[in-house]
Amino acid sequence: MTTTPEHDERIIKMTFASVYPHYITKVEKKGRTKAELHQVITWLTGFDDAKLQLLIADKVTFETFFKKAKLHPSAHLIKGVICGYRIENIETKLTREVRYLDKLVDELAKGRKMEKILRSIK
């Protein structure tokens, strides 16, 4: 299942700051911490806490957020279904990157071990 142009356009315009509080609520509701959420975001994007806070304060769109990110080399290992879409089949790069983040947050909230979430290769 591929995304629609309307779906992709909505993601381009959405700000990271508008979604970030929902990420926190989701993981904390399931007993995980904001620090763990930041660890996951840092792994995927390369942003440290200071840079993350700056991007939130600047209310950057997901498009800008991921343009500034240095995606982890193992991000392509993030697979599965999130929000009704199979991540590995999403053709639009930005939409796929946003869904990578959504999937990692979902795995964190579901109690998956951090080394599994971070796709540690042994």
N, C-alpha and C. Protein backbone atom coordinates (compact mmCIF):
# COMPACT_ATOMS: atom_id res chain seq x y z
N MET A 1 0.85 -1.19 0.00
CA MET A 1 0.00 0.00 0.00
C MET A 1 0.89 1.24 0.00
N THR A 2 0.76 2.07 -1.01
CA THR A 2 1.53 3.30 -1.06
C THR A 2 0.69 4.44 -0.53
N THR A 3 1.37 5.51 -0.17
CA THR A 3 0.68 6.68 0.38
C THR A 3 0.08 7.50 -0.76
N THR A 4 -0.88 8.34 -0.42
CA THR A 4 -1.48 9.22 -1.41
C THR A 4 -0.74 10.55 -1.40
N PRO A 5 -0.84 11.31 -2.49
CA PRO A 5 -0.21 12.64 -2.51
C PRO A 5 -0.74 13.55 -1.39
N GLU A 6 -2.02 13.41 -1.07
CA GLU A 6 -2.61 14.22 0.01
C GLU A 6 -1.99 13.87 1.36
N HIS A 7 -1.80 12.57 1.57
CA HIS A 7 -1.18 12.09 2.82
C HIS A 7 0.24 12.63 2.93
N ASP A 8 1.01 12.54 1.85
CA ASP A 8 2.38 13.03 1.84
C ASP A 8 2.44 14.54 2.07
N GLU A 9 1.52 15.27 1.47
CA GLU A 9 1.48 16.73 1.62
C GLU A 9 1.18 17.12 3.07
N ARG A 10 0.29 16.37 3.70
CA ARG A 10 -0.05 16.64 5.10
C ARG A 10 1.18 16.45 5.99
N ILE A 11 1.94 15.42 5.73
CA ILE A 11 3.15 15.15 6.51
C ILE A 11 4.20 16.24 6.29
N ILE A 12 4.36 16.70 5.06
CA ILE A 12 5.32 17.76 4.75
C ILE A 12 5.04 19.01 5.57
N LYS A 13 3.77 19.36 5.73
CA LYS A 13 3.39 20.59 6.42
C LYS A 13 3.31 20.46 7.94
N MET A 14 3.22 19.24 8.44
CA MET A 14 3.07 19.01 9.88
C MET A 14 4.36 19.39 10.60
N THR A 15 4.22 20.03 11.76
CA THR A 15 5.42 20.38 12.53
C THR A 15 5.77 19.27 13.51
N PHE A 16 7.08 19.11 13.71
CA PHE A 16 7.54 18.14 14.69
C PHE A 16 7.02 18.52 16.08
N ALA A 17 7.01 19.81 16.38
CA ALA A 17 6.56 20.29 17.70
C ALA A 17 5.11 19.92 17.99
N SER A 18 4.29 19.79 16.96
CA SER A 18 2.88 19.44 17.17
C SER A 18 2.70 17.96 17.51
N VAL A 19 3.65 17.12 17.11
CA VAL A 19 3.55 15.68 17.32
C VAL A 19 4.35 15.24 18.55
N TYR A 20 5.42 15.94 18.84
CA TYR A 20 6.32 15.58 19.93
C TYR A 20 5.60 15.36 21.28
N PRO A 21 4.68 16.24 21.70
CA PRO A 21 3.98 15.98 22.97
C PRO A 21 3.20 14.66 22.96
N HIS A 22 2.69 14.28 21.81
CA HIS A 22 1.96 13.02 21.69
C HIS A 22 2.91 11.83 21.85
N TYR A 23 4.12 11.97 21.32
CA TYR A 23 5.13 10.93 21.51
C TYR A 23 5.42 10.75 23.01
N ILE A 24 5.63 11.87 23.70
CA ILE A 24 5.91 11.82 25.14
C ILE A 24 4.77 11.15 25.89
N THR A 25 3.56 11.59 25.63
CA THR A 25 2.38 11.02 26.30
C THR A 25 2.29 9.52 26.04
N LYS A 26 2.49 9.12 24.81
CA LYS A 26 2.37 7.72 24.44
C LYS A 26 3.37 6.85 25.19
N VAL A 27 4.63 7.27 25.24
CA VAL A 27 5.64 6.43 25.89
C VAL A 27 5.52 6.46 27.41
N GLU A 28 5.20 7.64 27.97
CA GLU A 28 5.08 7.74 29.43
C GLU A 28 3.87 6.98 29.94
N LYS A 29 2.80 6.97 29.16
CA LYS A 29 1.60 6.23 29.54
C LYS A 29 1.89 4.73 29.68
N LYS A 30 2.90 4.27 28.93
CA LYS A 30 3.26 2.86 28.94
C LYS A 30 4.49 2.57 29.82
N GLY A 31 4.87 3.56 30.66
CA GLY A 31 5.95 3.33 31.61
C GLY A 31 7.35 3.59 31.10
N ARG A 32 7.47 4.16 29.92
CA ARG A 32 8.80 4.52 29.40
C ARG A 32 9.05 5.99 29.71
N THR A 33 10.27 6.46 29.48
CA THR A 33 10.63 7.82 29.88
C THR A 33 10.90 8.73 28.69
N LYS A 34 10.88 10.02 28.98
CA LYS A 34 11.22 11.03 27.99
C LYS A 34 12.68 10.83 27.55
N ALA A 35 13.54 10.46 28.49
CA ALA A 35 14.95 10.21 28.16
C ALA A 35 15.08 9.06 27.16
N GLU A 36 14.28 8.02 27.33
CA GLU A 36 14.31 6.91 26.37
C GLU A 36 13.80 7.36 25.00
N LEU A 37 12.78 8.19 25.00
CA LEU A 37 12.26 8.74 23.74
C LEU A 37 13.36 9.53 23.04
N HIS A 38 14.07 10.36 23.79
CA HIS A 38 15.15 11.16 23.21
C HIS A 38 16.27 10.26 22.68
N GLN A 39 16.53 9.16 23.37
CA GLN A 39 17.56 8.22 22.92
C GLN A 39 17.18 7.65 21.55
N VAL A 40 15.92 7.32 21.39
CA VAL A 40 15.42 6.78 20.13
C VAL A 40 15.50 7.84 19.03
N ILE A 41 15.08 9.07 19.33
CA ILE A 41 15.12 10.14 18.34
C ILE A 41 16.56 10.45 17.95
N THR A 42 17.45 10.47 18.94
CA THR A 42 18.87 10.73 18.67
C THR A 42 19.46 9.64 17.79
N TRP A 43 19.13 8.39 18.07
CA TRP A 43 19.64 7.28 17.26
C TRP A 43 19.22 7.46 15.80
N LEU A 44 17.95 7.78 15.58
CA LEU A 44 17.44 7.89 14.21
C LEU A 44 17.98 9.11 13.49
N THR A 45 18.01 10.26 14.18
CA THR A 45 18.28 11.54 13.51
C THR A 45 19.68 12.12 13.72
N GLY A 46 20.34 11.70 14.80
CA GLY A 46 21.63 12.30 15.14
C GLY A 46 21.50 13.58 15.97
N PHE A 47 20.29 14.02 16.26
CA PHE A 47 20.09 15.24 17.04
C PHE A 47 20.35 14.99 18.52
N ASP A 48 21.12 15.88 19.16
CA ASP A 48 21.25 15.81 20.61
C ASP A 48 20.08 16.56 21.24
N ASP A 49 19.99 16.53 22.57
CA ASP A 49 18.84 17.16 23.24
C ASP A 49 18.73 18.65 22.94
N ALA A 50 19.87 19.34 22.91
CA ALA A 50 19.86 20.80 22.65
C ALA A 50 19.31 21.10 21.25
N LYS A 51 19.78 20.35 20.27
CA LYS A 51 19.31 20.56 18.89
C LYS A 51 17.82 20.21 18.77
N LEU A 52 17.42 19.15 19.44
CA LEU A 52 16.01 18.74 19.42
C LEU A 52 15.13 19.84 20.00
N GLN A 53 15.55 20.41 21.13
CA GLN A 53 14.77 21.48 21.75
C GLN A 53 14.70 22.72 20.86
N LEU A 54 15.79 23.02 20.16
CA LEU A 54 15.81 24.15 19.24
C LEU A 54 14.83 23.93 18.08
N LEU A 55 14.81 22.73 17.54
CA LEU A 55 13.88 22.41 16.44
C LEU A 55 12.43 22.49 16.90
N ILE A 56 12.18 22.08 18.13
CA ILE A 56 10.83 22.17 18.69
C ILE A 56 10.44 23.64 18.87
N ALA A 57 11.35 24.42 19.44
CA ALA A 57 11.08 25.85 19.67
C ALA A 57 10.86 26.59 18.36
N ASP A 58 11.59 26.20 17.32
CA ASP A 58 11.45 26.85 16.01
C ASP A 58 10.24 26.35 15.23
N LYS A 59 9.56 25.33 15.77
CA LYS A 59 8.37 24.77 15.14
C LYS A 59 8.63 24.38 13.68
N VAL A 60 9.71 23.64 13.48
CA VAL A 60 10.06 23.23 12.12
C VAL A 60 9.09 22.15 11.64
N THR A 61 8.89 22.13 10.35
CA THR A 61 8.06 21.08 9.74
C THR A 61 8.86 19.78 9.74
N PHE A 62 8.15 18.67 9.53
CA PHE A 62 8.85 17.40 9.40
C PHE A 62 9.82 17.44 8.22
N GLU A 63 9.45 18.18 7.18
CA GLU A 63 10.33 18.29 6.02
C GLU A 63 11.67 18.89 6.43
N THR A 64 11.65 19.99 7.17
CA THR A 64 12.88 20.63 7.64
C THR A 64 13.60 19.75 8.66
N PHE A 65 12.83 19.13 9.56
CA PHE A 65 13.37 18.26 10.60
C PHE A 65 14.23 17.17 9.98
N PHE A 66 13.70 16.48 8.97
CA PHE A 66 14.44 15.38 8.36
C PHE A 66 15.50 15.85 7.37
N LYS A 67 15.37 17.06 6.82
CA LYS A 67 16.45 17.60 5.98
C LYS A 67 17.68 17.87 6.82
N LYS A 68 17.48 18.27 8.07
CA LYS A 68 18.59 18.58 8.98
C LYS A 68 19.16 17.32 9.64
N ALA A 69 18.40 16.24 9.62
CA ALA A 69 18.81 15.00 10.28
C ALA A 69 19.86 14.25 9.47
N LYS A 70 20.67 13.48 10.19
CA LYS A 70 21.59 12.54 9.56
C LYS A 70 21.08 11.16 9.95
N LEU A 71 20.25 10.60 9.09
CA LEU A 71 19.59 9.33 9.39
C LEU A 71 20.60 8.23 9.68
N HIS A 72 20.31 7.46 10.70
CA HIS A 72 21.19 6.36 11.09
C HIS A 72 21.34 5.38 9.93
N PRO A 73 22.55 4.86 9.71
CA PRO A 73 22.75 3.92 8.60
C PRO A 73 21.89 2.66 8.68
N SER A 74 21.43 2.30 9.88
CA SER A 74 20.59 1.11 10.03
C SER A 74 19.09 1.41 9.98
N ALA A 75 18.73 2.65 9.68
CA ALA A 75 17.30 3.02 9.65
C ALA A 75 16.52 2.16 8.67
N HIS A 76 17.17 1.73 7.61
CA HIS A 76 16.48 0.90 6.60
C HIS A 76 16.01 -0.44 7.18
N LEU A 77 16.53 -0.80 8.34
CA LEU A 77 16.12 -2.05 8.99
C LEU A 77 14.78 -1.92 9.71
N ILE A 78 14.26 -0.69 9.81
CA ILE A 78 12.96 -0.48 10.45
C ILE A 78 11.89 -0.90 9.46
N LYS A 79 11.18 -1.94 9.83
CA LYS A 79 10.16 -2.50 8.93
C LYS A 79 8.88 -2.74 9.72
N GLY A 80 7.82 -3.02 9.01
CA GLY A 80 6.55 -3.32 9.65
C GLY A 80 5.47 -2.34 9.25
N VAL A 81 4.34 -2.46 9.91
CA VAL A 81 3.18 -1.63 9.59
C VAL A 81 3.00 -0.59 10.68
N ILE A 82 2.80 0.64 10.25
CA ILE A 82 2.50 1.73 11.18
C ILE A 82 1.48 2.64 10.51
N CYS A 83 0.46 2.99 11.23
CA CYS A 83 -0.61 3.85 10.70
C CYS A 83 -1.21 3.29 9.41
N GLY A 84 -1.25 1.97 9.32
CA GLY A 84 -1.86 1.33 8.16
C GLY A 84 -0.97 1.19 6.95
N TYR A 85 0.29 1.62 7.06
CA TYR A 85 1.20 1.55 5.92
C TYR A 85 2.39 0.65 6.25
N ARG A 86 2.77 -0.20 5.31
CA ARG A 86 3.97 -1.01 5.46
C ARG A 86 5.15 -0.11 5.13
N ILE A 87 5.99 0.15 6.12
CA ILE A 87 7.06 1.13 5.99
C ILE A 87 7.96 0.88 4.78
N GLU A 88 8.37 -0.36 4.60
CA GLU A 88 9.30 -0.66 3.52
C GLU A 88 8.70 -0.46 2.13
N ASN A 89 7.38 -0.28 2.03
CA ASN A 89 6.72 -0.04 0.74
C ASN A 89 6.41 1.43 0.49
N ILE A 90 6.70 2.29 1.45
CA ILE A 90 6.42 3.72 1.27
C ILE A 90 7.47 4.30 0.33
N GLU A 91 7.01 4.85 -0.78
CA GLU A 91 7.92 5.36 -1.81
C GLU A 91 8.42 6.77 -1.53
N THR A 92 7.61 7.59 -0.89
CA THR A 92 8.00 8.97 -0.62
C THR A 92 8.98 8.99 0.55
N LYS A 93 10.19 9.49 0.29
CA LYS A 93 11.28 9.45 1.27
C LYS A 93 10.88 10.09 2.61
N LEU A 94 10.34 11.30 2.58
CA LEU A 94 9.99 11.99 3.82
C LEU A 94 8.93 11.22 4.59
N THR A 95 7.92 10.75 3.93
CA THR A 95 6.86 9.99 4.60
C THR A 95 7.44 8.73 5.23
N ARG A 96 8.33 8.07 4.53
CA ARG A 96 8.98 6.87 5.07
C ARG A 96 9.79 7.22 6.32
N GLU A 97 10.53 8.33 6.29
CA GLU A 97 11.33 8.74 7.45
C GLU A 97 10.47 9.06 8.66
N VAL A 98 9.36 9.76 8.43
CA VAL A 98 8.43 10.06 9.52
C VAL A 98 7.87 8.77 10.09
N ARG A 99 7.53 7.83 9.24
CA ARG A 99 7.00 6.54 9.71
C ARG A 99 8.07 5.71 10.42
N TYR A 100 9.33 5.89 10.06
CA TYR A 100 10.41 5.26 10.83
C TYR A 100 10.32 5.73 12.29
N LEU A 101 10.21 7.04 12.45
CA LEU A 101 10.14 7.61 13.80
C LEU A 101 8.89 7.12 14.52
N ASP A 102 7.76 7.13 13.85
CA ASP A 102 6.52 6.64 14.45
C ASP A 102 6.67 5.19 14.91
N LYS A 103 7.30 4.37 14.09
CA LYS A 103 7.48 2.96 14.41
C LYS A 103 8.38 2.79 15.64
N LEU A 104 9.45 3.55 15.71
CA LEU A 104 10.35 3.47 16.87
C LEU A 104 9.63 3.89 18.15
N VAL A 105 8.84 4.95 18.08
CA VAL A 105 8.07 5.41 19.24
C VAL A 105 7.06 4.33 19.64
N ASP A 106 6.43 3.73 18.67
CA ASP A 106 5.46 2.66 18.93
C ASP A 106 6.14 1.47 19.62
N GLU A 107 7.29 1.08 19.13
CA GLU A 107 8.03 -0.04 19.73
C GLU A 107 8.45 0.29 21.16
N LEU A 108 8.87 1.51 21.39
CA LEU A 108 9.24 1.95 22.74
C LEU A 108 8.04 1.85 23.67
N ALA A 109 6.91 2.35 23.22
CA ALA A 109 5.69 2.33 24.03
C ALA A 109 5.22 0.90 24.30
N LYS A 110 5.50 0.00 23.38
CA LYS A 110 5.06 -1.39 23.56
C LYS A 110 6.01 -2.19 24.44
N GLY A 111 7.07 -1.54 24.94
CA GLY A 111 7.97 -2.20 25.87
C GLY A 111 9.10 -3.00 25.25
N ARG A 112 9.32 -2.80 23.97
CA ARG A 112 10.41 -3.53 23.30
C ARG A 112 11.75 -3.10 23.91
N LYS A 113 12.70 -4.00 23.99
CA LYS A 113 14.01 -3.70 24.54
C LYS A 113 14.73 -2.69 23.66
N MET A 114 15.46 -1.78 24.31
CA MET A 114 16.13 -0.70 23.59
C MET A 114 17.09 -1.21 22.52
N GLU A 115 17.84 -2.28 22.80
CA GLU A 115 18.79 -2.78 21.80
C GLU A 115 18.07 -3.30 20.55
N LYS A 116 16.84 -3.76 20.70
CA LYS A 116 16.05 -4.19 19.55
C LYS A 116 15.51 -2.98 18.79
N ILE A 117 15.04 -1.98 19.53
CA ILE A 117 14.50 -0.77 18.91
C ILE A 117 15.59 -0.09 18.08
N LEU A 118 16.80 -0.03 18.63
CA LEU A 118 17.90 0.66 17.97
C LEU A 118 18.61 -0.18 16.92
N ARG A 119 18.03 -1.32 16.61
CA ARG A 119 18.52 -2.18 15.52
C ARG A 119 20.01 -2.44 15.65
N SER A 120 20.41 -2.83 16.85
CA SER A 120 21.83 -3.14 17.08
C SER A 120 22.21 -4.36 16.27
N ILE A 121 23.24 -4.20 15.48
CA ILE A 121 23.71 -5.30 14.64
C ILE A 121 24.91 -5.93 15.34
N LYS A 122 24.84 -7.25 15.49
CA LYS A 122 25.94 -7.94 16.17
C LYS A 122 26.74 -8.75 15.20
